[in-house]
Amino acid sequence: MGLTRHDGRCGFSAGAHRFAYHRGMAKGMFEVECPCCQAILKIDPETRAVIAHTVPVKPPAIEDLAAEVAKLKGEGARREELFRKQFEAEKSHGRVLEKKFDELFKRAKENPDQAPPKRDIDFD
């Protein structure tokens, strides 16, 4: 006989699991934490049933609604600014690569007998 379901909210049924224990081990009720909802279960070892359970108090997800709304409005402006900066960087990226290529090409023309620099892949 397994433990009975404690309140049905979390979906954990102790009855689905068989517990084997020494009958002389537990003389009085003992407490166990539910693995799903972290409720404290008070279990009677003789009947192997959940006698009581205590649901933990969870803090509210949003304490101050006005502060959260203001924070979200600020996030939109921050995202817009970040996008604008990235867009500008991407527009100038092609020019940067072109200048790097021109510089390396100029070096290669000045020293045609110099070996090209080693790449990471060449070291393997």
C-alpha atoms as a PDB file:
ATOM      1  CA  MET A   1       0.000   0.000   0.000  1.00  0.00           C
ATOM      2  CA  GLY A   2       1.479   3.375  -0.998  1.00  0.00           C
ATOM      3  CA  LEU A   3       0.973   6.885   0.281  1.00  0.00           C
ATOM      4  CA  THR A   4      -2.176   8.664  -0.800  1.00  0.00           C
ATOM      5  CA  ARG A   5      -2.244  11.783  -2.966  1.00  0.00           C
ATOM      6  CA  HIS A   6      -1.787  14.901  -0.829  1.00  0.00           C
ATOM      7  CA  ASP A   7      -4.030  17.523  -2.475  1.00  0.00           C
ATOM      8  CA  GLY A   8      -4.123  16.830  -6.191  1.00  0.00           C
ATOM      9  CA  ARG A   9      -2.807  20.236  -7.290  1.00  0.00           C
ATOM     10  CA  CYS A  10       0.758  19.391  -8.171  1.00  0.00           C
ATOM     11  CA  GLY A  11       0.102  16.038  -9.826  1.00  0.00           C
ATOM     12  CA  PHE A  12       2.441  14.146  -7.493  1.00  0.00           C
ATOM     13  CA  SER A  13       0.932  10.978  -6.173  1.00  0.00           C
ATOM     14  CA  ALA A  14       2.952   9.215  -3.544  1.00  0.00           C
ATOM     15  CA  GLY A  15       0.693   6.218  -4.129  1.00  0.00           C
ATOM     16  CA  ALA A  16       2.325   5.741  -7.536  1.00  0.00           C
ATOM     17  CA  HIS A  17       5.635   5.048  -5.809  1.00  0.00           C
ATOM     18  CA  ARG A  18       6.156   2.168  -3.430  1.00  0.00           C
ATOM     19  CA  PHE A  19       8.140   2.993  -0.328  1.00  0.00           C
ATOM     20  CA  ALA A  20       9.851   0.212   1.504  1.00  0.00           C
ATOM     21  CA  TYR A  21      10.934   1.009   5.020  1.00  0.00           C
ATOM     22  CA  HIS A  22      11.481  -0.685   8.315  1.00  0.00           C
ATOM     23  CA  ARG A  23       8.229  -0.491  10.340  1.00  0.00           C
ATOM     24  CA  GLY A  24      10.116   0.068  13.590  1.00  0.00           C
ATOM     25  CA  MET A  25      11.964   3.020  12.125  1.00  0.00           C
ATOM     26  CA  ALA A  26       9.215   5.680  12.387  1.00  0.00           C
ATOM     27  CA  LYS A  27       7.175   5.813  15.578  1.00  0.00           C
ATOM     28  CA  GLY A  28       5.393   9.156  15.072  1.00  0.00           C
ATOM     29  CA  MET A  29       4.397  11.289  12.150  1.00  0.00           C
ATOM     30  CA  PHE A  30       7.163  12.663   9.983  1.00  0.00           C
ATOM     31  CA  GLU A  31       7.390  15.467   7.442  1.00  0.00           C
ATOM     32  CA  VAL A  32       8.498  15.223   3.818  1.00  0.00           C
ATOM     33  CA  GLU A  33       8.790  17.897   1.133  1.00  0.00           C
ATOM     34  CA  CYS A  34       6.754  17.266  -2.028  1.00  0.00           C
ATOM     35  CA  PRO A  35       9.155  17.130  -5.020  1.00  0.00           C
ATOM     36  CA  CYS A  36       6.663  18.898  -7.331  1.00  0.00           C
ATOM     37  CA  CYS A  37       5.209  21.792  -5.355  1.00  0.00           C
ATOM     38  CA  GLN A  38       7.563  21.908  -2.329  1.00  0.00           C
ATOM     39  CA  ALA A  39       4.611  21.524   0.056  1.00  0.00           C
ATOM     40  CA  ILE A  40       5.430  20.037   3.455  1.00  0.00           C
ATOM     41  CA  LEU A  41       3.598  16.730   3.841  1.00  0.00           C
ATOM     42  CA  LYS A  42       2.884  15.270   7.265  1.00  0.00           C
ATOM     43  CA  ILE A  43       2.797  11.481   6.914  1.00  0.00           C
ATOM     44  CA  ASP A  44       1.512   8.852   9.332  1.00  0.00           C
ATOM     45  CA  PRO A  45       3.861   5.854   9.143  1.00  0.00           C
ATOM     46  CA  GLU A  46       1.260   3.416  10.412  1.00  0.00           C
ATOM     47  CA  THR A  47      -1.400   4.135   7.796  1.00  0.00           C
ATOM     48  CA  ARG A  48       1.135   5.408   5.268  1.00  0.00           C
ATOM     49  CA  ALA A  49      -1.195   8.288   4.413  1.00  0.00           C
ATOM     50  CA  VAL A  50      -0.706  12.033   4.095  1.00  0.00           C
ATOM     51  CA  ILE A  51      -2.438  13.483   7.133  1.00  0.00           C
ATOM     52  CA  ALA A  52      -1.768  17.176   6.442  1.00  0.00           C
ATOM     53  CA  HIS A  53       0.082  19.355   3.991  1.00  0.00           C
ATOM     54  CA  THR A  54       1.342  22.930   4.150  1.00  0.00           C
ATOM     55  CA  VAL A  55       1.638  24.822   0.870  1.00  0.00           C
ATOM     56  CA  PRO A  56       4.646  27.176   0.778  1.00  0.00           C
ATOM     57  CA  VAL A  57       3.902  30.879   0.448  1.00  0.00           C
ATOM     58  CA  LYS A  58       5.080  32.213  -2.893  1.00  0.00           C
ATOM     59  CA  PRO A  59       5.924  35.887  -3.336  1.00  0.00           C
ATOM     60  CA  PRO A  60       3.788  37.730  -5.896  1.00  0.00           C
ATOM     61  CA  ALA A  61       5.257  37.799  -9.390  1.00  0.00           C
ATOM     62  CA  ILE A  62       4.795  41.578  -9.670  1.00  0.00           C
ATOM     63  CA  GLU A  63       4.764  43.647  -6.498  1.00  0.00           C
ATOM     64  CA  ASP A  64       4.383  47.138  -7.995  1.00  0.00           C
ATOM     65  CA  LEU A  65       2.535  47.180 -11.306  1.00  0.00           C
ATOM     66  CA  ALA A  66       3.340  50.830 -12.062  1.00  0.00           C
ATOM     67  CA  ALA A  67       7.071  50.231 -11.602  1.00  0.00           C
ATOM     68  CA  GLU A  68       6.960  47.204 -13.899  1.00  0.00           C
ATOM     69  CA  VAL A  69       5.132  49.158 -16.621  1.00  0.00           C
ATOM     70  CA  ALA A  70       7.692  51.983 -16.403  1.00  0.00           C
ATOM     71  CA  LYS A  71      10.484  49.413 -16.626  1.00  0.00           C
ATOM     72  CA  LEU A  72       8.936  47.871 -19.748  1.00  0.00           C
ATOM     73  CA  LYS A  73       8.594  51.283 -21.409  1.00  0.00           C
ATOM     74  CA  GLY A  74      12.283  51.952 -20.711  1.00  0.00           C
ATOM     75  CA  GLU A  75      13.199  48.558 -22.187  1.00  0.00           C
ATOM     76  CA  GLY A  76      11.595  49.502 -25.515  1.00  0.00           C
ATOM     77  CA  ALA A  77      13.712  52.655 -25.805  1.00  0.00           C
ATOM     78  CA  ARG A  78      16.832  50.724 -24.825  1.00  0.00           C
ATOM     79  CA  ARG A  79      16.148  48.044 -27.462  1.00  0.00           C
ATOM     80  CA  GLU A  80      15.540  50.716 -30.107  1.00  0.00           C
ATOM     81  CA  GLU A  81      18.850  52.435 -29.254  1.00  0.00           C
ATOM     82  CA  LEU A  82      20.728  49.122 -29.349  1.00  0.00           C
ATOM     83  CA  PHE A  83      19.176  48.272 -32.721  1.00  0.00           C
ATOM     84  CA  ARG A  84      20.125  51.678 -34.123  1.00  0.00           C
ATOM     85  CA  LYS A  85      23.757  51.259 -33.000  1.00  0.00           C
ATOM     86  CA  GLN A  86      23.973  47.757 -34.459  1.00  0.00           C
ATOM     87  CA  PHE A  87      22.416  48.947 -37.713  1.00  0.00           C
ATOM     88  CA  GLU A  88      24.978  51.756 -38.037  1.00  0.00           C
ATOM     89  CA  ALA A  89      27.808  49.336 -37.254  1.00  0.00           C
ATOM     90  CA  GLU A  90      26.537  46.917 -39.892  1.00  0.00           C
ATOM     91  CA  LYS A  91      26.337  49.673 -42.517  1.00  0.00           C
ATOM     92  CA  SER A  92      29.985  50.601 -41.929  1.00  0.00           C
ATOM     93  CA  HIS A  93      31.134  46.975 -41.649  1.00  0.00           C
ATOM     94  CA  GLY A  94      31.555  46.625 -45.418  1.00  0.00           C
ATOM     95  CA  ARG A  95      33.773  49.711 -45.590  1.00  0.00           C
ATOM     96  CA  VAL A  96      35.926  48.416 -42.718  1.00  0.00           C
ATOM     97  CA  LEU A  97      36.432  45.068 -44.449  1.00  0.00           C
ATOM     98  CA  GLU A  98      37.222  46.816 -47.723  1.00  0.00           C
ATOM     99  CA  LYS A  99      39.898  48.984 -46.045  1.00  0.00           C
ATOM    100  CA  LYS A 100      41.437  45.935 -44.328  1.00  0.00           C
ATOM    101  CA  PHE A 101      41.559  44.096 -47.639  1.00  0.00           C
ATOM    102  CA  ASP A 102      43.156  47.087 -49.414  1.00  0.00           C
ATOM    103  CA  GLU A 103      45.827  47.350 -46.705  1.00  0.00           C
ATOM    104  CA  LEU A 104      46.685  43.661 -46.866  1.00  0.00           C
ATOM    105  CA  PHE A 105      46.687  43.731 -50.673  1.00  0.00           C
ATOM    106  CA  LYS A 106      49.083  46.691 -50.613  1.00  0.00           C
ATOM    107  CA  ARG A 107      51.420  44.801 -48.239  1.00  0.00           C
ATOM    108  CA  ALA A 108      51.327  41.737 -50.468  1.00  0.00           C
ATOM    109  CA  LYS A 109      52.298  43.833 -53.538  1.00  0.00           C
ATOM    110  CA  GLU A 110      55.186  45.478 -51.647  1.00  0.00           C
ATOM    111  CA  ASN A 111      56.658  42.119 -50.530  1.00  0.00           C
ATOM    112  CA  PRO A 112      55.716  39.518 -53.152  1.00  0.00           C
ATOM    113  CA  ASP A 113      58.338  36.987 -51.950  1.00  0.00           C
ATOM    114  CA  GLN A 114      57.136  37.049 -48.330  1.00  0.00           C
ATOM    115  CA  ALA A 115      55.133  33.996 -47.279  1.00  0.00           C
ATOM    116  CA  PRO A 116      51.493  34.644 -46.411  1.00  0.00           C
ATOM    117  CA  PRO A 117      50.704  34.681 -42.685  1.00  0.00           C
ATOM    118  CA  LYS A 118      49.687  31.372 -41.112  1.00  0.00           C
ATOM    119  CA  ARG A 119      46.010  30.826 -40.486  1.00  0.00           C
ATOM    120  CA  ASP A 120      44.608  28.933 -37.509  1.00  0.00           C
ATOM    121  CA  ILE A 121      43.702  26.048 -39.786  1.00  0.00           C
ATOM    122  CA  ASP A 122      47.307  25.745 -41.027  1.00  0.00           C
ATOM    123  CA  PHE A 123      48.605  24.843 -37.549  1.00  0.00           C
ATOM    124  CA  ASP A 124      46.686  21.556 -37.331  1.00  0.00           C
END
